Amino acid sequence: MTKSIKVNEYQHGYVDQKADIVKRLRRIEGQVRGLQRLVDEDTYCIDILTQVASTTKALESVAFALLDDHMHHCLVEAAKKGGKESDAKIDEASKAIKRFFRT
């Protein structure tokens, strides 16, 4: 008798870009380790700040890619279903965008 394995029917919007996102996050992790090394080595402040800005932009790039995938996948699916689920997903995305742009 063959046992059936239930597969998660829901896939996040970024599933097709998952390997790329993980690769980018690992690169960012390396940048952060580099920042730690710069501080340990008493590197000039402006040079460290330049690298912090680069790391921040890299993280923002990942965030925008995830947000784009979320809008094209999760929000579109919720909009097709309509009703409370659609409203909840739009509210959720709106709050996430507000958190992201909070300074």
C-alpha atoms as a PDB file:
ATOM      1  CA  MET A   1       0.000   0.000   0.000  1.00  0.00           C
ATOM      2  CA  THR A   2       1.403   3.394  -1.015  1.00  0.00           C
ATOM      3  CA  LYS A   3       1.266   6.160   1.500  1.00  0.00           C
ATOM      4  CA  SER A   4       0.077   9.505   0.186  1.00  0.00           C
ATOM      5  CA  ILE A   5       2.064  12.534   1.256  1.00  0.00           C
ATOM      6  CA  LYS A   6       0.048  15.698   1.609  1.00  0.00           C
ATOM      7  CA  VAL A   7       1.823  18.610  -0.025  1.00  0.00           C
ATOM      8  CA  ASN A   8       1.235  22.137   1.216  1.00  0.00           C
ATOM      9  CA  GLU A   9      -1.175  23.524  -1.361  1.00  0.00           C
ATOM     10  CA  TYR A  10      -0.199  27.120  -0.662  1.00  0.00           C
ATOM     11  CA  GLN A  11       3.091  28.448  -1.976  1.00  0.00           C
ATOM     12  CA  HIS A  12       4.460  31.866  -1.163  1.00  0.00           C
ATOM     13  CA  GLY A  13       4.909  34.254  -4.074  1.00  0.00           C
ATOM     14  CA  TYR A  14       8.689  34.180  -3.794  1.00  0.00           C
ATOM     15  CA  VAL A  15       8.957  30.397  -4.209  1.00  0.00           C
ATOM     16  CA  ASP A  16      10.371  30.702  -7.740  1.00  0.00           C
ATOM     17  CA  GLN A  17      13.020  33.208  -6.564  1.00  0.00           C
ATOM     18  CA  LYS A  18      13.800  31.484  -3.266  1.00  0.00           C
ATOM     19  CA  ALA A  19      17.307  30.359  -4.254  1.00  0.00           C
ATOM     20  CA  ASP A  20      18.173  33.865  -5.478  1.00  0.00           C
ATOM     21  CA  ILE A  21      16.819  35.472  -2.311  1.00  0.00           C
ATOM     22  CA  VAL A  22      18.774  33.091  -0.084  1.00  0.00           C
ATOM     23  CA  LYS A  23      21.911  33.784  -2.142  1.00  0.00           C
ATOM     24  CA  ARG A  24      21.425  37.536  -1.757  1.00  0.00           C
ATOM     25  CA  LEU A  25      20.827  37.210   1.993  1.00  0.00           C
ATOM     26  CA  ARG A  26      24.022  35.173   2.371  1.00  0.00           C
ATOM     27  CA  ARG A  27      25.911  37.895   0.510  1.00  0.00           C
ATOM     28  CA  ILE A  28      24.407  40.486   2.887  1.00  0.00           C
ATOM     29  CA  GLU A  29      25.413  38.316   5.832  1.00  0.00           C
ATOM     30  CA  GLY A  30      28.972  38.479   4.502  1.00  0.00           C
ATOM     31  CA  GLN A  31      28.718  42.255   4.242  1.00  0.00           C
ATOM     32  CA  VAL A  32      27.643  42.455   7.889  1.00  0.00           C
ATOM     33  CA  ARG A  33      30.583  40.275   8.939  1.00  0.00           C
ATOM     34  CA  GLY A  34      32.785  42.645   6.928  1.00  0.00           C
ATOM     35  CA  LEU A  35      31.339  45.569   8.866  1.00  0.00           C
ATOM     36  CA  GLN A  36      32.213  43.864  12.133  1.00  0.00           C
ATOM     37  CA  ARG A  37      35.747  43.330  10.881  1.00  0.00           C
ATOM     38  CA  LEU A  38      36.042  47.000   9.882  1.00  0.00           C
ATOM     39  CA  VAL A  39      35.027  48.076  13.382  1.00  0.00           C
ATOM     40  CA  ASP A  40      37.417  45.552  14.969  1.00  0.00           C
ATOM     41  CA  GLU A  41      40.216  46.953  12.808  1.00  0.00           C
ATOM     42  CA  ASP A  42      39.409  50.576  13.800  1.00  0.00           C
ATOM     43  CA  THR A  43      38.630  51.533  10.199  1.00  0.00           C
ATOM     44  CA  TYR A  44      37.835  55.175   9.418  1.00  0.00           C
ATOM     45  CA  CYS A  45      34.199  56.035  10.283  1.00  0.00           C
ATOM     46  CA  ILE A  46      33.238  57.263   6.819  1.00  0.00           C
ATOM     47  CA  ASP A  47      34.489  54.044   5.225  1.00  0.00           C
ATOM     48  CA  ILE A  48      32.332  52.017   7.632  1.00  0.00           C
ATOM     49  CA  LEU A  49      29.313  54.251   6.966  1.00  0.00           C
ATOM     50  CA  THR A  50      29.775  53.734   3.217  1.00  0.00           C
ATOM     51  CA  GLN A  51      29.635  49.974   3.744  1.00  0.00           C
ATOM     52  CA  VAL A  52      26.600  50.309   6.056  1.00  0.00           C
ATOM     53  CA  ALA A  53      24.799  52.234   3.290  1.00  0.00           C
ATOM     54  CA  SER A  54      25.670  49.505   0.783  1.00  0.00           C
ATOM     55  CA  THR A  55      24.392  46.782   3.120  1.00  0.00           C
ATOM     56  CA  THR A  56      21.208  48.751   3.813  1.00  0.00           C
ATOM     57  CA  LYS A  57      20.534  49.122   0.077  1.00  0.00           C
ATOM     58  CA  ALA A  58      21.083  45.396  -0.423  1.00  0.00           C
ATOM     59  CA  LEU A  59      18.528  44.592   2.296  1.00  0.00           C
ATOM     60  CA  GLU A  60      16.081  47.092   0.823  1.00  0.00           C
ATOM     61  CA  SER A  61      16.483  45.395  -2.547  1.00  0.00           C
ATOM     62  CA  VAL A  62      15.513  42.039  -1.016  1.00  0.00           C
ATOM     63  CA  ALA A  63      12.578  43.664   0.766  1.00  0.00           C
ATOM     64  CA  PHE A  64      11.285  45.253  -2.455  1.00  0.00           C
ATOM     65  CA  ALA A  65      11.598  41.933  -4.295  1.00  0.00           C
ATOM     66  CA  LEU A  66       9.589  40.186  -1.561  1.00  0.00           C
ATOM     67  CA  LEU A  67       6.992  42.958  -1.529  1.00  0.00           C
ATOM     68  CA  ASP A  68       6.662  42.785  -5.307  1.00  0.00           C
ATOM     69  CA  ASP A  69       6.193  39.021  -5.169  1.00  0.00           C
ATOM     70  CA  HIS A  70       3.666  39.413  -2.351  1.00  0.00           C
ATOM     71  CA  MET A  71       1.613  41.895  -4.355  1.00  0.00           C
ATOM     72  CA  HIS A  72       1.711  39.835  -7.537  1.00  0.00           C
ATOM     73  CA  HIS A  73       0.920  36.553  -5.831  1.00  0.00           C
ATOM     74  CA  CYS A  74      -0.763  36.846  -2.449  1.00  0.00           C
ATOM     75  CA  LEU A  75      -2.739  40.020  -3.083  1.00  0.00           C
ATOM     76  CA  VAL A  76      -3.864  38.900  -6.527  1.00  0.00           C
ATOM     77  CA  GLU A  77      -5.053  35.556  -5.135  1.00  0.00           C
ATOM     78  CA  ALA A  78      -6.875  37.276  -2.272  1.00  0.00           C
ATOM     79  CA  ALA A  79      -8.486  39.748  -4.670  1.00  0.00           C
ATOM     80  CA  LYS A  80      -9.790  36.862  -6.770  1.00  0.00           C
ATOM     81  CA  LYS A  81     -11.447  35.399  -3.678  1.00  0.00           C
ATOM     82  CA  GLY A  82     -12.765  38.776  -2.540  1.00  0.00           C
ATOM     83  CA  GLY A  83     -14.482  39.492   0.731  1.00  0.00           C
ATOM     84  CA  LYS A  84     -12.841  39.629   4.133  1.00  0.00           C
ATOM     85  CA  GLU A  85      -9.731  37.718   3.055  1.00  0.00           C
ATOM     86  CA  SER A  86      -9.061  40.257   0.333  1.00  0.00           C
ATOM     87  CA  ASP A  87      -9.533  43.176   2.721  1.00  0.00           C
ATOM     88  CA  ALA A  88      -7.290  41.534   5.315  1.00  0.00           C
ATOM     89  CA  LYS A  89      -4.477  40.917   2.810  1.00  0.00           C
ATOM     90  CA  ILE A  90      -4.622  44.502   1.553  1.00  0.00           C
ATOM     91  CA  ASP A  91      -4.537  45.828   5.138  1.00  0.00           C
ATOM     92  CA  GLU A  92      -1.622  43.517   5.920  1.00  0.00           C
ATOM     93  CA  ALA A  93       0.345  44.738   2.880  1.00  0.00           C
ATOM     94  CA  SER A  94      -0.429  48.362   3.685  1.00  0.00           C
ATOM     95  CA  LYS A  95       0.872  47.955   7.241  1.00  0.00           C
ATOM     96  CA  ALA A  96       4.019  46.225   5.966  1.00  0.00           C
ATOM     97  CA  ILE A  97       4.682  49.084   3.542  1.00  0.00           C
ATOM     98  CA  LYS A  98       4.189  51.640   6.335  1.00  0.00           C
ATOM     99  CA  ARG A  99       6.659  49.736   8.563  1.00  0.00           C
ATOM    100  CA  PHE A 100       9.159  49.626   5.756  1.00  0.00           C
ATOM    101  CA  PHE A 101       9.027  53.362   5.080  1.00  0.00           C
ATOM    102  CA  ARG A 102       9.006  54.411   8.714  1.00  0.00           C
ATOM    103  CA  THR A 103      12.078  56.503   9.440  1.00  0.00           C
END
